Protein backbone atom coordinates (compact mmCIF):
# COMPACT_ATOMS: atom_id res chain seq x y z
CA UNK A 1 0.00 0.00 0.00
CA UNK A 2 1.24 3.46 -0.88
CA UNK A 3 2.23 5.69 2.02
CA UNK A 4 -0.18 8.46 1.06
CA UNK A 5 -3.20 6.15 0.91
CA UNK A 6 -5.72 6.56 3.76
CA UNK A 7 -5.57 3.99 6.53
CA UNK A 8 -8.63 2.03 7.66
CA UNK A 9 -9.38 0.25 10.90
CA UNK A 10 -12.02 -2.32 11.80
CA UNK A 11 -13.47 -1.94 15.28
CA UNK A 12 -14.12 -5.25 17.08
CA UNK A 13 -15.03 -6.23 20.62
CA UNK A 14 -12.32 -8.79 21.30
CA UNK A 15 -13.79 -10.23 24.52
CA UNK A 16 -17.46 -10.19 23.58
CA UNK A 17 -19.81 -12.84 24.91
CA UNK A 18 -22.44 -12.04 22.26
CA UNK A 19 -22.03 -12.93 18.59
CA UNK A 20 -24.12 -9.84 17.80
CA UNK A 21 -20.96 -7.78 18.31
CA UNK A 22 -19.16 -9.83 15.66
CA UNK A 23 -22.15 -9.34 13.33
CA UNK A 24 -21.71 -5.58 13.83
CA UNK A 25 -18.04 -5.77 12.80
CA UNK A 26 -18.92 -8.02 9.87
CA UNK A 27 -21.43 -5.42 8.65
CA UNK A 28 -18.91 -2.56 8.83
CA UNK A 29 -16.07 -4.53 7.21
CA UNK A 30 -17.85 -4.82 3.85
CA UNK A 31 -17.32 -1.09 3.21
CA UNK A 32 -13.58 -0.96 3.96
CA UNK A 33 -11.29 -1.25 0.91
CA UNK A 34 -8.59 -2.75 3.13
CA UNK A 35 -7.94 -3.19 6.84
CA UNK A 36 -4.72 -1.74 8.20
CA UNK A 37 -5.64 -2.14 11.86
CA UNK A 38 -7.98 -4.31 13.92
CA UNK A 39 -8.92 -2.10 16.87
CA UNK A 40 -10.41 -3.40 20.10
CA UNK A 41 -13.46 -1.36 21.01
CA UNK A 42 -12.56 -1.50 24.70
CA UNK A 43 -9.06 -0.09 24.09
CA UNK A 44 -9.85 2.48 21.42
CA UNK A 45 -8.87 5.39 23.66
CA UNK A 46 -5.25 4.15 23.82
CA UNK A 47 -4.89 3.34 20.12
CA UNK A 48 -1.82 4.76 18.35
CA UNK A 49 -1.15 4.00 14.67
CA UNK A 50 2.31 2.85 13.61
CA UNK A 51 3.02 5.94 11.52
CA UNK A 52 1.25 8.42 13.85
CA UNK A 53 -1.47 9.05 11.24
CA UNK A 54 -5.22 9.02 11.73
CA UNK A 55 -7.05 5.79 10.92
CA UNK A 56 -10.55 5.88 9.42
CA UNK A 57 -13.11 3.81 11.37
CA UNK A 58 -16.85 3.17 11.11
CA UNK A 59 -18.01 3.53 14.70
CA UNK A 60 -21.17 1.40 14.77
CA UNK A 61 -21.73 -0.63 17.90
CA UNK A 62 -22.38 -0.58 21.63
CA UNK A 63 -20.15 1.98 23.34
CA UNK A 64 -19.28 2.62 26.98
CA UNK A 65 -19.46 -0.92 28.28
CA UNK A 66 -16.20 0.33 29.75
CA UNK A 67 -16.70 4.03 30.48
CA UNK A 68 -12.98 4.75 30.69
CA UNK A 69 -12.32 3.83 27.03
CA UNK A 70 -14.42 6.66 25.59
CA UNK A 71 -13.83 8.97 23.79
CA UNK A 72 -11.55 7.38 21.18
CA UNK A 73 -7.91 8.29 20.66
CA UNK A 74 -7.18 11.30 18.41
CA UNK A 75 -5.63 8.80 15.99
CA UNK A 76 -9.18 7.66 15.14
CA UNK A 77 -10.99 9.51 12.35
CA UNK A 78 -14.57 8.33 12.96
CA UNK A 79 -17.77 7.90 11.07
CA UNK A 80 -20.13 8.15 14.08
CA UNK A 81 -23.05 6.11 12.86
CA UNK A 82 -25.32 3.36 14.24
CA UNK A 83 -24.02 4.09 17.74
CA UNK A 84 -25.48 3.10 21.08
CA UNK A 85 -24.06 4.92 24.11
CA UNK A 86 -24.59 2.98 27.31
CA UNK A 87 -26.02 4.79 30.32
CA UNK A 88 -25.93 3.33 33.82
CA UNK A 89 -25.57 6.51 35.87
CA UNK A 90 -28.18 7.77 38.30
CA UNK A 91 -27.27 11.41 37.66
CA UNK A 92 -27.28 11.30 33.85
CA UNK A 93 -24.98 9.87 31.21
CA UNK A 94 -21.26 10.53 31.67
CA UNK A 95 -20.94 10.97 27.91
CA UNK A 96 -22.72 14.32 28.20
CA UNK A 97 -19.83 15.76 30.19
CA UNK A 98 -16.12 16.38 29.76
CA UNK A 99 -14.08 14.87 26.92
CA UNK A 100 -16.86 12.59 25.73
CA UNK A 101 -19.17 15.56 25.24
CA UNK A 102 -16.39 17.46 23.45
CA UNK A 103 -15.93 14.48 21.10
CA UNK A 104 -19.65 14.25 20.33
CA UNK A 105 -19.85 17.97 19.54
CA UNK A 106 -16.75 17.82 17.37
CA UNK A 107 -18.06 14.92 15.27
CA UNK A 108 -21.77 15.76 15.06
CA UNK A 109 -24.12 14.86 13.56
CA UNK A 110 -24.06 11.59 15.50
CA UNK A 111 -25.88 8.64 13.93
CA UNK A 112 -27.77 6.69 16.59
CA UNK A 113 -29.58 3.39 16.66
CA UNK A 114 -32.00 3.84 19.57
CA UNK A 115 -34.49 6.31 20.98
CA UNK A 116 -33.24 6.84 24.54
CA UNK A 117 -29.75 7.99 23.55
CA UNK A 118 -31.34 10.26 20.95
CA UNK A 119 -33.44 11.83 23.70
CA UNK A 120 -30.34 12.49 25.84
CA UNK A 121 -28.38 14.03 22.96
CA UNK A 122 -31.37 16.16 21.91
CA UNK A 123 -31.63 17.55 25.44
CA UNK A 124 -27.87 18.22 25.53
CA UNK A 125 -27.91 20.08 22.22
CA UNK A 126 -25.82 17.54 20.31
CA UNK A 127 -26.88 17.33 16.65
CA UNK A 128 -27.92 13.75 15.95
CA UNK A 129 -30.22 11.57 13.87
CA UNK A 130 -31.59 8.04 13.86
CA UNK A 131 -29.43 6.12 11.41
CA UNK A 132 -30.70 2.63 12.10
CA UNK A 133 -28.40 -0.30 12.77
CA UNK A 134 -25.43 -1.17 10.54
CA UNK A 135 -26.61 -4.78 10.36
CA UNK A 136 -29.41 -3.58 8.06
CA UNK A 137 -26.76 -3.26 5.33
CA UNK A 138 -25.62 -6.90 5.35
CA UNK A 139 -25.97 -8.42 1.85
CA UNK A 140 -27.86 -11.68 1.44
CA UNK A 141 -25.97 -14.71 0.18
CA UNK A 142 -26.88 -15.66 -3.36
CA UNK A 143 -28.16 -19.09 -4.43
CA UNK A 144 -29.23 -20.16 -0.95
CA UNK A 145 -31.76 -23.00 -0.98
CA UNK A 146 -34.62 -22.61 1.48
CA UNK A 147 -35.21 -25.42 3.96
CA UNK A 148 -38.36 -26.30 5.87
CA UNK A 149 -37.34 -25.54 9.45
CA UNK A 150 -38.13 -22.82 11.98
CA UNK A 151 -35.19 -21.07 13.60
CA UNK A 152 -35.83 -19.83 17.15
CA UNK A 153 -33.28 -17.49 18.72
CA UNK A 154 -32.97 -16.97 22.48
CA UNK A 155 -36.66 -17.44 23.22
CA UNK A 156 -38.34 -18.16 26.54
CA UNK A 157 -38.56 -21.95 27.04
CA UNK A 158 -42.34 -21.79 27.39
CA UNK A 159 -42.62 -20.08 23.99
CA UNK A 160 -40.31 -22.65 22.40
CA UNK A 161 -42.45 -25.44 23.87
CA UNK A 162 -45.59 -23.81 22.44
CA UNK A 163 -43.98 -23.67 18.99
CA UNK A 164 -42.83 -27.30 19.12
CA UNK A 165 -46.27 -28.54 20.21
CA UNK A 166 -47.97 -26.63 17.41
CA UNK A 167 -45.87 -27.65 14.43
CA UNK A 168 -44.43 -30.80 12.91
CA UNK A 169 -41.64 -28.77 11.33
CA UNK A 170 -38.12 -29.07 12.66
CA UNK A 171 -37.36 -26.36 15.24
CA UNK A 172 -33.70 -25.28 15.32
CA UNK A 173 -32.70 -23.47 18.51
CA UNK A 174 -29.95 -20.82 18.32
CA UNK A 175 -28.25 -18.89 21.11
CA UNK A 176 -26.26 -15.67 20.56
CA UNK A 177 -24.23 -16.15 23.74
CA UNK A 178 -20.54 -16.95 23.34
CA UNK A 179 -17.72 -18.22 25.50
CA UNK A 180 -15.79 -14.94 25.55
CA UNK A 181 -12.43 -16.59 26.38
CA UNK A 182 -12.65 -19.04 23.48
CA UNK A 183 -14.01 -16.48 21.03
CA UNK A 184 -11.30 -13.93 21.89
CA UNK A 185 -8.63 -16.43 20.80
CA UNK A 186 -10.14 -16.86 17.32
CA UNK A 187 -8.77 -14.96 14.34
CA UNK A 188 -10.89 -12.36 12.58
CA UNK A 189 -11.35 -14.82 9.70
CA UNK A 190 -12.63 -17.53 12.06
CA UNK A 191 -15.04 -15.14 13.73
CA UNK A 192 -16.31 -13.99 10.33
CA UNK A 193 -16.82 -17.62 9.33
CA UNK A 194 -19.01 -18.15 12.40
CA UNK A 195 -21.05 -15.04 11.52
CA UNK A 196 -21.57 -16.23 7.94
CA UNK A 197 -22.62 -19.66 9.21
CA UNK A 198 -25.18 -18.04 11.52
CA UNK A 199 -26.56 -15.76 8.79
CA UNK A 200 -26.81 -18.69 6.38
CA UNK A 201 -28.81 -20.61 8.99
CA UNK A 202 -31.22 -17.66 9.20
CA UNK A 203 -31.47 -17.24 5.44
CA UNK A 204 -32.19 -20.92 4.83
CA UNK A 205 -34.96 -21.10 7.44
CA UNK A 206 -38.65 -21.08 6.62
CA UNK A 207 -38.81 -18.30 9.20
CA UNK A 208 -36.89 -16.93 12.18
CA UNK A 209 -38.53 -16.17 15.53
CA UNK A 210 -36.29 -14.23 17.88
CA UNK A 211 -36.05 -12.10 21.00
CA UNK A 212 -32.80 -10.52 19.73
CA UNK A 213 -32.94 -7.26 17.83
CA UNK A 214 -29.54 -8.15 16.41
CA UNK A 215 -30.82 -11.30 14.82
CA UNK A 216 -34.04 -9.61 13.68
CA UNK A 217 -32.34 -6.75 11.82
CA UNK A 218 -29.82 -8.92 9.93
CA UNK A 219 -32.77 -11.12 8.93
CA UNK A 220 -34.46 -8.08 7.40
CA UNK A 221 -31.26 -7.33 5.49
CA UNK A 222 -30.91 -10.87 4.10
CA UNK A 223 -34.67 -11.11 3.42
CA UNK A 224 -35.32 -13.96 5.85
CA UNK A 225 -38.92 -13.88 7.21
CA UNK A 226 -38.59 -12.86 10.85
CA UNK A 227 -40.84 -12.31 13.86
CA UNK A 228 -39.48 -10.37 16.83
CA UNK A 229 -40.83 -11.23 20.27
CA UNK A 230 -39.97 -8.51 22.77
CA UNK A 231 -40.54 -7.93 26.46
CA UNK A 232 -42.73 -4.83 26.81
CA UNK A 233 -42.31 -4.89 30.60
CA UNK A 234 -38.61 -4.10 30.22
CA UNK A 235 -38.22 -0.35 29.68
CA UNK A 236 -34.75 -0.71 28.17
CA UNK A 237 -36.14 -3.07 25.54
CA UNK A 238 -39.09 -0.76 24.87
CA UNK A 239 -36.72 2.21 24.41
CA UNK A 240 -34.70 0.26 21.87
CA UNK A 241 -37.81 -1.01 20.07
CA UNK A 242 -39.58 2.33 19.58
CA UNK A 243 -37.82 3.32 16.37
CA UNK A 244 -37.76 -0.23 14.96
CA UNK A 245 -41.44 -1.02 15.40
CA UNK A 246 -42.25 -0.11 11.78
CA UNK A 247 -39.39 -2.19 10.42
CA UNK A 248 -40.37 -5.69 11.49
CA UNK A 249 -43.24 -7.98 12.35
CA UNK A 250 -43.38 -8.15 16.13
CA UNK A 251 -45.45 -9.25 19.10
CA UNK A 252 -44.85 -9.00 22.82
CA UNK A 253 -43.63 -11.79 25.05
CA UNK A 254 -46.69 -11.25 27.22
CA UNK A 255 -48.99 -11.85 24.23
CA UNK A 256 -47.20 -15.10 23.45
CA UNK A 257 -47.49 -16.38 27.01
CA UNK A 258 -51.12 -15.31 27.54
CA UNK A 259 -52.57 -16.06 24.11
CA UNK A 260 -50.30 -17.53 21.44
CA UNK A 261 -52.78 -17.01 18.59
CA UNK A 262 -50.67 -14.43 16.68
CA UNK A 263 -47.53 -16.50 17.13
CA UNK A 264 -49.17 -19.69 15.86
CA UNK A 265 -50.72 -17.88 12.90
CA UNK A 266 -47.25 -16.63 11.96
CA UNK A 267 -45.81 -20.15 12.18
CA UNK A 268 -48.53 -21.46 9.87
CA UNK A 269 -48.08 -18.62 7.38
CA UNK A 270 -45.02 -16.40 7.90
CA UNK A 271 -45.70 -12.81 6.88
CA UNK A 272 -43.57 -10.91 4.41
CA UNK A 273 -41.16 -8.56 6.14
CA UNK A 274 -42.10 -4.85 6.02
CA UNK A 275 -39.93 -2.86 3.63
CA UNK A 276 -39.70 0.30 5.74
CA UNK A 277 -36.14 -0.62 6.73
CA UNK A 278 -34.91 -0.18 3.14
CA UNK A 279 -34.84 3.61 3.60
CA UNK A 280 -32.30 3.30 6.42
CA UNK A 281 -30.35 0.55 4.66
CA UNK A 282 -29.86 2.69 1.56
CA UNK A 283 -28.91 5.79 3.57
CA UNK A 284 -26.38 3.83 5.65
CA UNK A 285 -24.79 2.26 2.58
CA UNK A 286 -24.40 5.67 0.94
CA UNK A 287 -23.00 7.27 4.09
CA UNK A 288 -20.39 4.53 4.52
CA UNK A 289 -19.43 4.60 0.85
CA UNK A 290 -19.03 8.39 0.93
CA UNK A 291 -16.94 8.16 4.11
CA UNK A 292 -14.55 5.69 2.48
CA UNK A 293 -14.43 7.65 -0.77
CA UNK A 294 -13.46 10.88 1.03
CA UNK A 295 -11.23 9.27 3.67
CA UNK A 296 -7.87 10.84 4.46
CA UNK A 297 -5.15 10.19 7.00
CA UNK A 298 -3.30 13.06 8.65
CA UNK A 299 -0.41 13.24 11.05
CA UNK A 300 -1.10 13.66 14.76
CA UNK A 301 1.71 15.25 16.75
CA UNK A 302 3.08 13.67 19.90
CA UNK A 303 2.12 16.86 21.75
CA UNK A 304 -1.51 16.52 20.68
CA UNK A 305 -1.68 12.92 21.85
CA UNK A 306 0.04 13.72 25.16
CA UNK A 307 -2.47 16.50 25.79
CA UNK A 308 -5.30 14.03 25.09
CA UNK A 309 -3.86 11.63 27.66
CA UNK A 310 -3.48 14.38 30.27
CA UNK A 311 -7.05 15.57 29.67
CA UNK A 312 -8.24 11.98 29.90
CA UNK A 313 -6.68 11.55 33.35
CA UNK A 314 -8.37 14.77 34.54
CA UNK A 315 -11.67 13.58 33.07
CA UNK A 316 -11.45 10.21 34.83
CA UNK A 317 -10.71 11.98 38.13
CA UNK A 318 -13.75 14.19 37.60
CA UNK A 319 -15.90 11.12 36.95
CA UNK A 320 -14.54 9.40 40.07
CA UNK A 321 -15.26 12.45 42.22
CA UNK A 322 -18.74 12.74 40.75
CA UNK A 323 -19.40 9.09 41.56
CA UNK A 324 -18.01 9.54 45.08
CA UNK A 325 -20.29 12.51 45.82
CA UNK A 326 -23.25 10.71 44.29
CA UNK A 327 -22.69 7.71 46.59
CA UNK A 328 -22.34 10.08 49.55
CA UNK A 329 -25.62 11.77 48.65
CA UNK A 330 -27.42 8.43 48.30
CA UNK A 331 -26.03 7.33 51.68
CA UNK A 332 -27.17 10.62 53.25
CA UNK A 333 -30.68 10.26 51.85
CA UNK A 334 -30.84 6.67 53.06
CA UNK A 335 -29.83 7.67 56.60
CA UNK A 336 -31.99 10.81 56.67
CA UNK A 337 -35.19 9.35 55.35
């Protein structure tokens, strides 16, 4: 590769225990003309390229599982799209303060994949939009022969039993959980192979019935009939579902357990998937293609990186102090009331 060519990095979650994270990386990889770096999502703040140049990365995925690794290193030139920013704080998201907030403002508009984070960024004055999930861009495999089985993904055992009692078709059970230690030792090629095997299983099925948004959305992309069963008593799930409700056929877990009529009707005659998702698929594909087309790599000085590290230490201290005072306040309220 020529020295003046832009550098590209693929973001992965090395120690994931959910194959959905590998599906996310698989979806982003298709747009990269070449991969110069494989960058661990949980160490992206300490990333330094070999030649001290910026590396272009598509930033889809679940961020802030580890709060201390965000924002990314200045050696990352990001396309902030299809992002989820985790929030576990009682006093508001940490990403709306300090360096993380500075990063969001610098790189706006921020493409998001769920409603709750959008609400937080709207309130904080960060320009953002709902981009949908990157897995909507996954291409279907050609010349796949359909088979007469139902694929069920991480469903409640009672719902699986109801399905098996109702149909004579083969029911194939799939789980998205991984052994993180074993998976982390696999090469990128081996992990991709496992993703392709999973997607092929979905595409070959008569239909897929799942509780996982990140099996539902890839199924839309590869045109596999899919029914999403979600828990409407879980507010986190509801927040994530709001903006996807038009994209897929769905019913609630409560409906399935109380009266399985809609579920059984779907098994007998799977519905065509809605096509509303195509709007987001096309926009995401264009945005990623434009990002790659216009990508550049520029030098980052040692002084700039050192300043980032110093600011990061100050930011972590601020977060620690904020957490300390929050715990003190909760303890005071507990004792007082």
